[in-house]
Amino acid sequence: MSNEFVIETKDLTKAYGKFLAVDRINLNIARGEVFGLLGPNGAGKTTTILMLMGLCEPTSGTVKINGLDPAREPIKVKRVVGYMPEKIGFYDDLTAKENLEYTARLNGLAGNRLNDKIDGLLELVGLKDSRDQLVGKFSHGMKQRLGIADVMVKDPQIAIFDEPTSGIDPEGTDQVLNLINKMAEEKVTVVISSHLLHQVQKICTGVGIFSKGKLVASGSIDKLGREILRKGQFNIIIPIAQLTPQLREEIQKLPEVVDIISRANTTVVVCQDNICSKLEEVVLKITGLKLQMKVEEFELEEVYMKYFKES
């Protein structure tokens, strides 16, 4: 296994008879990354997750989780991976605290410090005042937040969430996404399966797009956006509505520049590379203005829909 990647698959395949649920997926997720698995229902996301967890055996291909094979070392994998399925289940006749204690003990955690840890987690997910309430009385959103605490109680190196905001109201969704962000800040590698693109864009550093069991694209949103929407080029925004002839001429002399486009109150310079610093120097030289340039960002939904149209 590469030191850089904590999750690696090679030609990972799962067949049910003649039906290929997952078809030769090659996936590499770096340590500390927040990675989104995207695609419509039935695209292969959940089956992939089950193979990552060792809950479903591949038909062919390989999986490595922190250098471990989930099919052959499932217990070791479960010690370093926290998993929250789409349909999360708790013991309804136990309290929130008792459910977390049960998970902790299953993972070999005990002792005086465990009580403080569980109380801290319940406070973190906003359930401190509900610690002694039976989970059977919890709302769906409360169970989702308890699910994140359930993942965190074992201090995982990798956390996997399958549709973590499914069926939650907007306020609850923001709470869940903020909690996942906090995990990422603690250097936990996070994998999220979702079809809610705007949510994924808020927190993911990379995405993989699934279609009919295949991984059809993988990388950062910027990388995929440039590939499918800009043919590998960069759109750099200059906060000037109209360039003077002299400034336009100087910008056109830069070898990386492909085109200059006026747009509303800005000017867009189409380039073969990110030359923000060069453009800033040219603008300063010609106009005396010290302006900050930025590369145009992409909306994940635009990338996603365009990719399926092209493919």
C-alpha atoms as a PDB file:
ATOM      1  CA  MET A   1       0.000   0.000   0.000  1.00  0.00           C
ATOM      2  CA  SER A   2       1.124   3.544  -0.743  1.00  0.00           C
ATOM      3  CA  ASN A   3       1.998   5.687   2.293  1.00  0.00           C
ATOM      4  CA  GLU A   4      -0.032   8.451   0.690  1.00  0.00           C
ATOM      5  CA  PHE A   5      -3.314   6.566   0.389  1.00  0.00           C
ATOM      6  CA  VAL A   6      -5.323   5.004   3.213  1.00  0.00           C
ATOM      7  CA  ILE A   7      -7.981   3.575   0.883  1.00  0.00           C
ATOM      8  CA  GLU A   8      -6.964   1.836  -2.338  1.00  0.00           C
ATOM      9  CA  THR A   9      -8.928  -0.397  -4.674  1.00  0.00           C
ATOM     10  CA  LYS A  10      -7.656  -2.117  -7.784  1.00  0.00           C
ATOM     11  CA  ASP A  11     -10.124  -3.402 -10.387  1.00  0.00           C
ATOM     12  CA  LEU A  12     -12.646  -3.886  -7.564  1.00  0.00           C
ATOM     13  CA  THR A  13     -15.654  -5.824  -8.873  1.00  0.00           C
ATOM     14  CA  LYS A  14     -18.867  -7.213  -7.404  1.00  0.00           C
ATOM     15  CA  ALA A  15     -21.160  -9.335  -9.548  1.00  0.00           C
ATOM     16  CA  TYR A  16     -24.538 -10.800  -8.705  1.00  0.00           C
ATOM     17  CA  GLY A  17     -24.922 -13.406 -11.394  1.00  0.00           C
ATOM     18  CA  LYS A  18     -24.550 -11.530 -14.671  1.00  0.00           C
ATOM     19  CA  PHE A  19     -25.261  -8.161 -13.063  1.00  0.00           C
ATOM     20  CA  LEU A  20     -22.177  -6.053 -12.278  1.00  0.00           C
ATOM     21  CA  ALA A  21     -23.021  -3.906  -9.249  1.00  0.00           C
ATOM     22  CA  VAL A  22     -19.431  -2.614  -9.160  1.00  0.00           C
ATOM     23  CA  ASP A  23     -17.300  -2.879 -12.284  1.00  0.00           C
ATOM     24  CA  ARG A  24     -13.481  -2.723 -11.958  1.00  0.00           C
ATOM     25  CA  ILE A  25     -13.212   0.353  -9.752  1.00  0.00           C
ATOM     26  CA  ASN A  26      -9.801   1.905  -9.115  1.00  0.00           C
ATOM     27  CA  LEU A  27     -10.065   4.325  -6.227  1.00  0.00           C
ATOM     28  CA  ASN A  28      -7.332   6.107  -4.231  1.00  0.00           C
ATOM     29  CA  ILE A  29      -8.198   8.235  -1.202  1.00  0.00           C
ATOM     30  CA  ALA A  30      -5.453  10.124   0.627  1.00  0.00           C
ATOM     31  CA  ARG A  31      -4.967  10.376   4.366  1.00  0.00           C
ATOM     32  CA  GLY A  32      -6.963  13.279   5.807  1.00  0.00           C
ATOM     33  CA  GLU A  33      -9.095  13.720   2.697  1.00  0.00           C
ATOM     34  CA  VAL A  34     -12.868  14.273   2.696  1.00  0.00           C
ATOM     35  CA  PHE A  35     -14.001  12.270  -0.317  1.00  0.00           C
ATOM     36  CA  GLY A  36     -17.505  12.141  -1.797  1.00  0.00           C
ATOM     37  CA  LEU A  37     -18.916   9.127  -3.635  1.00  0.00           C
ATOM     38  CA  LEU A  38     -21.489  10.547  -6.045  1.00  0.00           C
ATOM     39  CA  GLY A  39     -24.035   9.040  -8.373  1.00  0.00           C
ATOM     40  CA  PRO A  40     -27.702   8.115  -8.714  1.00  0.00           C
ATOM     41  CA  ASN A  41     -29.304   5.321  -6.717  1.00  0.00           C
ATOM     42  CA  GLY A  42     -28.076   1.942  -7.921  1.00  0.00           C
ATOM     43  CA  ALA A  43     -24.782   3.354  -9.265  1.00  0.00           C
ATOM     44  CA  GLY A  44     -22.662   1.138  -6.992  1.00  0.00           C
ATOM     45  CA  LYS A  45     -21.772   3.485  -4.121  1.00  0.00           C
ATOM     46  CA  THR A  46     -23.203   1.453  -1.244  1.00  0.00           C
ATOM     47  CA  THR A  47     -21.874  -1.848  -2.589  1.00  0.00           C
ATOM     48  CA  THR A  48     -18.427  -0.265  -2.797  1.00  0.00           C
ATOM     49  CA  ILE A  49     -18.699   0.889   0.819  1.00  0.00           C
ATOM     50  CA  LEU A  50     -19.727  -2.589   1.963  1.00  0.00           C
ATOM     51  CA  MET A  51     -16.615  -4.032   0.294  1.00  0.00           C
ATOM     52  CA  LEU A  52     -14.434  -1.359   1.905  1.00  0.00           C
ATOM     53  CA  MET A  53     -15.828  -2.413   5.274  1.00  0.00           C
ATOM     54  CA  GLY A  54     -15.448  -6.149   4.695  1.00  0.00           C
ATOM     55  CA  LEU A  55     -19.227  -6.579   4.901  1.00  0.00           C
ATOM     56  CA  CYS A  56     -19.396  -7.800   1.305  1.00  0.00           C
ATOM     57  CA  GLU A  57     -16.745  -9.911  -0.414  1.00  0.00           C
ATOM     58  CA  PRO A  58     -15.501  -8.766  -3.849  1.00  0.00           C
ATOM     59  CA  THR A  59     -16.012 -11.032  -6.825  1.00  0.00           C
ATOM     60  CA  SER A  60     -12.584  -9.941  -8.041  1.00  0.00           C
ATOM     61  CA  GLY A  61     -10.041  -7.178  -7.521  1.00  0.00           C
ATOM     62  CA  THR A  62      -8.507  -5.944  -4.281  1.00  0.00           C
ATOM     63  CA  VAL A  63      -9.164  -3.517  -1.449  1.00  0.00           C
ATOM     64  CA  LYS A  64      -6.652  -2.095   1.016  1.00  0.00           C
ATOM     65  CA  ILE A  65      -7.726  -0.085   4.068  1.00  0.00           C
ATOM     66  CA  ASN A  66      -4.701   1.247   5.952  1.00  0.00           C
ATOM     67  CA  GLY A  67      -2.801  -1.600   4.317  1.00  0.00           C
ATOM     68  CA  LEU A  68      -5.344  -4.184   5.531  1.00  0.00           C
ATOM     69  CA  ASP A  69      -7.526  -6.507   3.443  1.00  0.00           C
ATOM     70  CA  PRO A  70     -11.146  -6.160   4.699  1.00  0.00           C
ATOM     71  CA  ALA A  71     -12.117  -9.578   3.351  1.00  0.00           C
ATOM     72  CA  ARG A  72      -9.337 -11.351   5.273  1.00  0.00           C
ATOM     73  CA  GLU A  73      -8.828  -9.004   8.229  1.00  0.00           C
ATOM     74  CA  PRO A  74     -12.323  -7.600   8.915  1.00  0.00           C
ATOM     75  CA  ILE A  75     -11.842  -7.230  12.689  1.00  0.00           C
ATOM     76  CA  LYS A  76      -8.634  -5.217  12.258  1.00  0.00           C
ATOM     77  CA  VAL A  77     -10.341  -3.026   9.656  1.00  0.00           C
ATOM     78  CA  LYS A  78     -13.301  -2.369  11.946  1.00  0.00           C
ATOM     79  CA  ARG A  79     -10.898  -1.173  14.660  1.00  0.00           C
ATOM     80  CA  VAL A  80      -9.657   1.688  12.477  1.00  0.00           C
ATOM     81  CA  VAL A  81     -12.847   2.438  10.502  1.00  0.00           C
ATOM     82  CA  GLY A  82     -16.083   3.958  11.776  1.00  0.00           C
ATOM     83  CA  TYR A  83     -19.149   3.321   9.631  1.00  0.00           C
ATOM     84  CA  MET A  84     -22.566   4.983   9.646  1.00  0.00           C
ATOM     85  CA  PRO A  85     -25.020   3.246   7.267  1.00  0.00           C
ATOM     86  CA  GLU A  86     -27.894   5.064   5.583  1.00  0.00           C
ATOM     87  CA  LYS A  87     -30.445   3.263   7.764  1.00  0.00           C
ATOM     88  CA  ILE A  88     -28.757   3.585  11.115  1.00  0.00           C
ATOM     89  CA  GLY A  89     -29.937   1.291  13.894  1.00  0.00           C
ATOM     90  CA  PHE A  90     -29.742   1.651  17.674  1.00  0.00           C
ATOM     91  CA  TYR A  91     -31.242  -0.201  20.596  1.00  0.00           C
ATOM     92  CA  ASP A  92     -34.450   1.764  21.153  1.00  0.00           C
ATOM     93  CA  ASP A  93     -34.824   0.531  24.746  1.00  0.00           C
ATOM     94  CA  LEU A  94     -31.388   1.900  25.689  1.00  0.00           C
ATOM     95  CA  THR A  95     -30.487   5.532  26.331  1.00  0.00           C
ATOM     96  CA  ALA A  96     -28.156   7.534  24.097  1.00  0.00           C
ATOM     97  CA  LYS A  97     -25.346   7.089  26.603  1.00  0.00           C
ATOM     98  CA  GLU A  98     -25.980   3.345  26.957  1.00  0.00           C
ATOM     99  CA  ASN A  99     -25.896   2.877  23.178  1.00  0.00           C
ATOM    100  CA  LEU A 100     -22.505   4.588  22.987  1.00  0.00           C
ATOM    101  CA  GLU A 101     -21.206   2.554  25.919  1.00  0.00           C
ATOM    102  CA  TYR A 102     -22.243  -0.631  24.128  1.00  0.00           C
ATOM    103  CA  THR A 103     -20.375   0.382  20.950  1.00  0.00           C
ATOM    104  CA  ALA A 104     -17.323   1.383  22.968  1.00  0.00           C
ATOM    105  CA  ARG A 105     -17.158  -1.935  24.822  1.00  0.00           C
ATOM    106  CA  LEU A 106     -17.566  -3.872  21.562  1.00  0.00           C
ATOM    107  CA  ASN A 107     -14.398  -2.083  20.456  1.00  0.00           C
ATOM    108  CA  GLY A 108     -12.506  -2.921  23.631  1.00  0.00           C
ATOM    109  CA  LEU A 109     -12.895   0.489  25.262  1.00  0.00           C
ATOM    110  CA  ALA A 110     -13.547   0.705  28.989  1.00  0.00           C
ATOM    111  CA  GLY A 111     -12.377   2.442  32.139  1.00  0.00           C
ATOM    112  CA  ASN A 112     -13.113   5.643  34.024  1.00  0.00           C
ATOM    113  CA  ARG A 113     -12.222   7.930  31.126  1.00  0.00           C
ATOM    114  CA  LEU A 114     -14.849   6.345  28.859  1.00  0.00           C
ATOM    115  CA  ASN A 115     -17.688   8.030  30.755  1.00  0.00           C
ATOM    116  CA  ASP A 116     -16.125  11.476  30.270  1.00  0.00           C
ATOM    117  CA  LYS A 117     -15.463  10.705  26.609  1.00  0.00           C
ATOM    118  CA  ILE A 118     -19.092   9.749  25.954  1.00  0.00           C
ATOM    119  CA  ASP A 119     -20.367  12.837  27.756  1.00  0.00           C
ATOM    120  CA  GLY A 120     -18.016  14.976  25.645  1.00  0.00           C
ATOM    121  CA  LEU A 121     -19.223  13.389  22.419  1.00  0.00           C
ATOM    122  CA  LEU A 122     -22.883  13.821  23.336  1.00  0.00           C
ATOM    123  CA  GLU A 123     -22.189  17.483  24.030  1.00  0.00           C
ATOM    124  CA  LEU A 124     -20.343  17.817  20.721  1.00  0.00           C
ATOM    125  CA  VAL A 125     -23.283  16.434  18.718  1.00  0.00           C
ATOM    126  CA  GLY A 126     -25.825  18.491  20.660  1.00  0.00           C
ATOM    127  CA  LEU A 127     -27.354  15.623  22.639  1.00  0.00           C
ATOM    128  CA  LYS A 128     -25.988  16.372  26.110  1.00  0.00           C
ATOM    129  CA  ASP A 129     -29.468  17.072  27.508  1.00  0.00           C
ATOM    130  CA  SER A 130     -30.789  13.853  25.934  1.00  0.00           C
ATOM    131  CA  ARG A 131     -28.067  11.516  27.214  1.00  0.00           C
ATOM    132  CA  ASP A 132     -30.473   9.588  29.483  1.00  0.00           C
ATOM    133  CA  GLN A 133     -33.414   9.586  27.072  1.00  0.00           C
ATOM    134  CA  LEU A 134     -34.412   6.326  25.359  1.00  0.00           C
ATOM    135  CA  VAL A 135     -33.277   6.384  21.734  1.00  0.00           C
ATOM    136  CA  GLY A 136     -36.661   4.988  20.678  1.00  0.00           C
ATOM    137  CA  LYS A 137     -38.038   8.470  21.417  1.00  0.00           C
ATOM    138  CA  PHE A 138     -35.414  10.244  19.290  1.00  0.00           C
ATOM    139  CA  SER A 139     -36.274  12.060  16.072  1.00  0.00           C
ATOM    140  CA  HIS A 140     -34.570  10.989  12.841  1.00  0.00           C
ATOM    141  CA  GLY A 141     -32.187  13.954  13.026  1.00  0.00           C
ATOM    142  CA  MET A 142     -31.247  13.145  16.620  1.00  0.00           C
ATOM    143  CA  LYS A 143     -30.459   9.562  15.609  1.00  0.00           C
ATOM    144  CA  GLN A 144     -28.251  10.823  12.778  1.00  0.00           C
ATOM    145  CA  ARG A 145     -26.284  12.996  15.206  1.00  0.00           C
ATOM    146  CA  LEU A 146     -26.039  10.100  17.658  1.00  0.00           C
ATOM    147  CA  GLY A 147     -24.753   8.034  14.717  1.00  0.00           C
ATOM    148  CA  ILE A 148     -21.845  10.446  14.290  1.00  0.00           C
ATOM    149  CA  ALA A 149     -21.036  10.172  18.004  1.00  0.00           C
ATOM    150  CA  ASP A 150     -21.221   6.388  17.591  1.00  0.00           C
ATOM    151  CA  VAL A 151     -18.609   6.602  14.817  1.00  0.00           C
ATOM    152  CA  MET A 152     -16.382   8.949  16.819  1.00  0.00           C
ATOM    153  CA  VAL A 153     -16.412   6.994  20.102  1.00  0.00           C
ATOM    154  CA  LYS A 154     -13.817   4.546  18.789  1.00  0.00           C
ATOM    155  CA  ASP A 155     -11.452   7.313  17.555  1.00  0.00           C
ATOM    156  CA  PRO A 156     -11.386   5.994  13.973  1.00  0.00           C
ATOM    157  CA  GLN A 157      -8.653   6.789  11.485  1.00  0.00           C
ATOM    158  CA  ILE A 158     -11.238   6.508   8.697  1.00  0.00           C
ATOM    159  CA  ALA A 159     -14.958   7.375   8.875  1.00  0.00           C
ATOM    160  CA  ILE A 160     -17.473   6.274   6.241  1.00  0.00           C
ATOM    161  CA  PHE A 161     -20.963   7.781   5.987  1.00  0.00           C
ATOM    162  CA  ASP A 162     -23.699   6.490   3.676  1.00  0.00           C
ATOM    163  CA  GLU A 163     -26.237   9.278   2.978  1.00  0.00           C
ATOM    164  CA  PRO A 164     -25.669  10.913   6.405  1.00  0.00           C
ATOM    165  CA  THR A 165     -28.187  13.746   5.854  1.00  0.00           C
ATOM    166  CA  SER A 166     -30.970  11.671   4.304  1.00  0.00           C
ATOM    167  CA  GLY A 167     -34.370  12.781   5.564  1.00  0.00           C
ATOM    168  CA  ILE A 168     -33.072  15.592   7.795  1.00  0.00           C
ATOM    169  CA  ASP A 169     -34.321  19.187   7.781  1.00  0.00           C
ATOM    170  CA  PRO A 170     -31.945  21.989   6.679  1.00  0.00           C
ATOM    171  CA  GLU A 171     -30.911  22.930  10.228  1.00  0.00           C
ATOM    172  CA  GLY A 172     -30.159  19.306  11.109  1.00  0.00           C
ATOM    173  CA  THR A 173     -28.270  18.899   7.835  1.00  0.00           C
ATOM    174  CA  ASP A 174     -25.988  21.834   8.660  1.00  0.00           C
ATOM    175  CA  GLN A 175     -25.332  20.348  12.100  1.00  0.00           C
ATOM    176  CA  VAL A 176     -24.372  16.974  10.617  1.00  0.00           C
ATOM    177  CA  LEU A 177     -22.092  18.530   7.984  1.00  0.00           C
ATOM    178  CA  ASN A 178     -20.392  20.686  10.639  1.00  0.00           C
ATOM    179  CA  LEU A 179     -19.763  17.603  12.764  1.00  0.00           C
ATOM    180  CA  ILE A 180     -18.233  15.774   9.804  1.00  0.00           C
ATOM    181  CA  ASN A 181     -16.042  18.820   9.153  1.00  0.00           C
ATOM    182  CA  LYS A 182     -14.818  18.672  12.753  1.00  0.00           C
ATOM    183  CA  MET A 183     -13.791  15.054  12.218  1.00  0.00           C
ATOM    184  CA  ALA A 184     -11.817  16.083   9.150  1.00  0.00           C
ATOM    185  CA  GLU A 185     -10.108  18.833  11.157  1.00  0.00           C
ATOM    186  CA  GLU A 186      -8.904  16.082  13.502  1.00  0.00           C
ATOM    187  CA  LYS A 187      -7.163  14.448  10.491  1.00  0.00           C
ATOM    188  CA  VAL A 188      -9.719  11.651  10.144  1.00  0.00           C
ATOM    189  CA  THR A 189     -10.092  10.454   6.544  1.00  0.00           C
ATOM    190  CA  VAL A 190     -13.787  10.838   5.695  1.00  0.00           C
ATOM    191  CA  VAL A 191     -15.742   9.120   2.916  1.00  0.00           C
ATOM    192  CA  ILE A 192     -19.313  10.248   2.225  1.00  0.00           C
ATOM    193  CA  SER A 193     -21.758   8.593  -0.152  1.00  0.00           C
ATOM    194  CA  SER A 194     -24.414  11.034  -1.282  1.00  0.00           C
ATOM    195  CA  HIS A 195     -26.529  12.211  -4.185  1.00  0.00           C
ATOM    196  CA  LEU A 196     -26.965  15.679  -2.635  1.00  0.00           C
ATOM    197  CA  LEU A 197     -24.345  17.551  -4.626  1.00  0.00           C
ATOM    198  CA  HIS A 198     -24.529  20.958  -2.960  1.00  0.00           C
ATOM    199  CA  GLN A 199     -23.854  19.329   0.409  1.00  0.00           C
ATOM    200  CA  VAL A 200     -20.881  17.398  -0.924  1.00  0.00           C
ATOM    201  CA  GLN A 201     -19.386  20.565  -2.399  1.00  0.00           C
ATOM    202  CA  LYS A 202     -19.455  22.220   1.043  1.00  0.00           C
ATOM    203  CA  ILE A 203     -17.151  19.712   2.695  1.00  0.00           C
ATOM    204  CA  CYS A 204     -15.401  17.427   0.172  1.00  0.00           C
ATOM    205  CA  THR A 205     -11.851  17.908  -1.080  1.00  0.00           C
ATOM    206  CA  GLY A 206     -12.308  15.221  -3.746  1.00  0.00           C
ATOM    207  CA  VAL A 207     -15.119  13.285  -5.403  1.00  0.00           C
ATOM    208  CA  GLY A 208     -15.679  10.107  -7.372  1.00  0.00           C
ATOM    209  CA  ILE A 209     -18.594   9.935  -9.804  1.00  0.00           C
ATOM    210  CA  PHE A 210     -20.298   6.537 -10.189  1.00  0.00           C
ATOM    211  CA  SER A 211     -22.494   5.461 -13.084  1.00  0.00           C
ATOM    212  CA  LYS A 212     -23.874   1.967 -13.676  1.00  0.00           C
ATOM    213  CA  GLY A 213     -21.292   0.374 -11.422  1.00  0.00           C
ATOM    214  CA  LYS A 214     -18.308   2.198 -12.917  1.00  0.00           C
ATOM    215  CA  LEU A 215     -16.173   4.979 -11.453  1.00  0.00           C
ATOM    216  CA  VAL A 216     -16.351   7.344 -14.412  1.00  0.00           C
ATOM    217  CA  ALA A 217     -14.413  10.286 -12.926  1.00  0.00           C
ATOM    218  CA  SER A 218     -12.330  11.005  -9.832  1.00  0.00           C
ATOM    219  CA  GLY A 219     -10.470  14.015  -8.460  1.00  0.00           C
ATOM    220  CA  SER A 220     -10.994  17.468  -6.992  1.00  0.00           C
ATOM    221  CA  ILE A 221     -14.008  19.487  -8.132  1.00  0.00           C
ATOM    222  CA  ASP A 222     -11.658  22.037  -9.723  1.00  0.00           C
ATOM    223  CA  LYS A 223      -9.784  19.318 -11.618  1.00  0.00           C
ATOM    224  CA  LEU A 224     -12.964  17.693 -12.936  1.00  0.00           C
ATOM    225  CA  GLY A 225     -14.469  21.076 -13.752  1.00  0.00           C
ATOM    226  CA  ARG A 226     -11.457  22.135 -15.809  1.00  0.00           C
ATOM    227  CA  GLU A 227     -11.400  18.793 -17.611  1.00  0.00           C
ATOM    228  CA  ILE A 228     -15.058  18.658 -18.592  1.00  0.00           C
ATOM    229  CA  LEU A 229     -16.053  22.359 -18.714  1.00  0.00           C
ATOM    230  CA  ARG A 230     -12.851  24.199 -19.646  1.00  0.00           C
ATOM    231  CA  LYS A 231     -10.860  21.615 -21.645  1.00  0.00           C
ATOM    232  CA  GLY A 232      -8.083  21.833 -19.068  1.00  0.00           C
ATOM    233  CA  GLN A 233      -7.917  25.630 -19.120  1.00  0.00           C
ATOM    234  CA  PHE A 234      -8.155  28.175 -16.273  1.00  0.00           C
ATOM    235  CA  ASN A 235     -10.558  31.111 -16.196  1.00  0.00           C
ATOM    236  CA  ILE A 236      -8.923  33.887 -14.167  1.00  0.00           C
ATOM    237  CA  ILE A 237     -11.136  36.751 -13.054  1.00  0.00           C
ATOM    238  CA  ILE A 238      -9.796  40.315 -13.114  1.00  0.00           C
ATOM    239  CA  PRO A 239     -12.046  42.762 -11.188  1.00  0.00           C
ATOM    240  CA  ILE A 240     -11.995  45.353 -13.992  1.00  0.00           C
ATOM    241  CA  ALA A 241     -15.017  45.881 -16.254  1.00  0.00           C
ATOM    242  CA  GLN A 242     -13.145  47.169 -19.303  1.00  0.00           C
ATOM    243  CA  LEU A 243      -9.427  46.803 -19.993  1.00  0.00           C
ATOM    244  CA  THR A 244      -7.567  49.693 -21.573  1.00  0.00           C
ATOM    245  CA  PRO A 245      -6.045  48.862 -24.976  1.00  0.00           C
ATOM    246  CA  GLN A 246      -2.555  48.966 -23.452  1.00  0.00           C
ATOM    247  CA  LEU A 247      -3.465  46.571 -20.620  1.00  0.00           C
ATOM    248  CA  ARG A 248      -5.213  44.179 -22.990  1.00  0.00           C
ATOM    249  CA  GLU A 249      -2.179  44.178 -25.287  1.00  0.00           C
ATOM    250  CA  GLU A 250       0.232  43.436 -22.400  1.00  0.00           C
ATOM    251  CA  ILE A 251      -1.956  40.567 -21.138  1.00  0.00           C
ATOM    252  CA  GLN A 252      -2.185  39.078 -24.624  1.00  0.00           C
ATOM    253  CA  LYS A 253       1.619  38.956 -24.764  1.00  0.00           C
ATOM    254  CA  LEU A 254       1.680  36.363 -21.963  1.00  0.00           C
ATOM    255  CA  PRO A 255       2.259  32.949 -23.622  1.00  0.00           C
ATOM    256  CA  GLU A 256      -0.267  31.157 -21.398  1.00  0.00           C
ATOM    257  CA  VAL A 257      -3.182  33.434 -22.412  1.00  0.00           C
ATOM    258  CA  VAL A 258      -5.754  31.926 -24.803  1.00  0.00           C
ATOM    259  CA  ASP A 259      -8.542  34.526 -24.753  1.00  0.00           C
ATOM    260  CA  ILE A 260      -9.826  37.639 -22.967  1.00  0.00           C
ATOM    261  CA  ILE A 261     -13.581  37.930 -22.334  1.00  0.00           C
ATOM    262  CA  SER A 262     -15.555  40.877 -20.921  1.00  0.00           C
ATOM    263  CA  ARG A 263     -18.239  39.728 -18.496  1.00  0.00           C
ATOM    264  CA  ALA A 264     -20.513  42.036 -16.468  1.00  0.00           C
ATOM    265  CA  ASN A 265     -18.238  44.007 -14.108  1.00  0.00           C
ATOM    266  CA  THR A 266     -15.207  41.777 -14.579  1.00  0.00           C
ATOM    267  CA  THR A 267     -12.824  40.514 -17.238  1.00  0.00           C
ATOM    268  CA  VAL A 268     -12.084  36.812 -17.655  1.00  0.00           C
ATOM    269  CA  VAL A 269      -8.682  35.730 -18.939  1.00  0.00           C
ATOM    270  CA  VAL A 270      -8.667  32.184 -20.329  1.00  0.00           C
ATOM    271  CA  CYS A 271      -5.254  30.576 -19.747  1.00  0.00           C
ATOM    272  CA  GLN A 272      -3.416  27.300 -20.155  1.00  0.00           C
ATOM    273  CA  ASP A 273      -2.113  27.588 -16.580  1.00  0.00           C
ATOM    274  CA  ASN A 274      -2.831  29.396 -13.315  1.00  0.00           C
ATOM    275  CA  ILE A 275      -1.004  32.701 -13.878  1.00  0.00           C
ATOM    276  CA  CYS A 276      -2.740  34.869 -11.259  1.00  0.00           C
ATOM    277  CA  SER A 277       0.559  36.270  -9.982  1.00  0.00           C
ATOM    278  CA  LYS A 278       1.723  37.189 -13.504  1.00  0.00           C
ATOM    279  CA  LEU A 279      -1.566  38.978 -14.235  1.00  0.00           C
ATOM    280  CA  GLU A 280      -1.358  40.867 -10.943  1.00  0.00           C
ATOM    281  CA  GLU A 281       2.139  42.095 -11.906  1.00  0.00           C
ATOM    282  CA  VAL A 282       0.981  43.220 -15.363  1.00  0.00           C
ATOM    283  CA  VAL A 283      -2.043  45.086 -13.954  1.00  0.00           C
ATOM    284  CA  LEU A 284       0.131  46.768 -11.301  1.00  0.00           C
ATOM    285  CA  LYS A 285       2.711  47.790 -13.909  1.00  0.00           C
ATOM    286  CA  ILE A 286       0.178  49.316 -16.339  1.00  0.00           C
ATOM    287  CA  THR A 287      -2.466  50.763 -13.994  1.00  0.00           C
ATOM    288  CA  GLY A 288      -0.728  51.116 -10.626  1.00  0.00           C
ATOM    289  CA  LEU A 289      -3.596  49.118  -9.094  1.00  0.00           C
ATOM    290  CA  LYS A 290      -2.794  46.262  -6.730  1.00  0.00           C
ATOM    291  CA  LEU A 291      -5.605  43.845  -7.469  1.00  0.00           C
ATOM    292  CA  GLN A 292      -6.063  40.256  -6.364  1.00  0.00           C
ATOM    293  CA  MET A 293      -6.969  37.776  -9.098  1.00  0.00           C
ATOM    294  CA  LYS A 294      -8.816  34.509  -8.536  1.00  0.00           C
ATOM    295  CA  VAL A 295      -9.451  31.366 -10.533  1.00  0.00           C
ATOM    296  CA  GLU A 296     -13.102  30.835 -11.369  1.00  0.00           C
ATOM    297  CA  GLU A 297     -14.603  28.064  -9.254  1.00  0.00           C
ATOM    298  CA  PHE A 298     -16.995  25.387 -10.444  1.00  0.00           C
ATOM    299  CA  GLU A 299     -20.373  24.267  -9.177  1.00  0.00           C
ATOM    300  CA  LEU A 300     -20.335  20.515  -8.565  1.00  0.00           C
ATOM    301  CA  GLU A 301     -23.845  20.151  -9.979  1.00  0.00           C
ATOM    302  CA  GLU A 302     -22.722  21.746 -13.260  1.00  0.00           C
ATOM    303  CA  VAL A 303     -19.725  19.398 -13.457  1.00  0.00           C
ATOM    304  CA  TYR A 304     -21.865  16.367 -12.600  1.00  0.00           C
ATOM    305  CA  MET A 305     -24.624  17.068 -15.125  1.00  0.00           C
ATOM    306  CA  LYS A 306     -22.187  18.043 -17.895  1.00  0.00           C
ATOM    307  CA  TYR A 307     -20.161  14.895 -17.334  1.00  0.00           C
ATOM    308  CA  PHE A 308     -23.182  12.630 -17.811  1.00  0.00           C
ATOM    309  CA  LYS A 309     -24.199  14.524 -20.944  1.00  0.00           C
ATOM    310  CA  GLU A 310     -20.700  14.120 -22.407  1.00  0.00           C
ATOM    311  CA  SER A 311     -20.370  10.453 -21.436  1.00  0.00           C
END
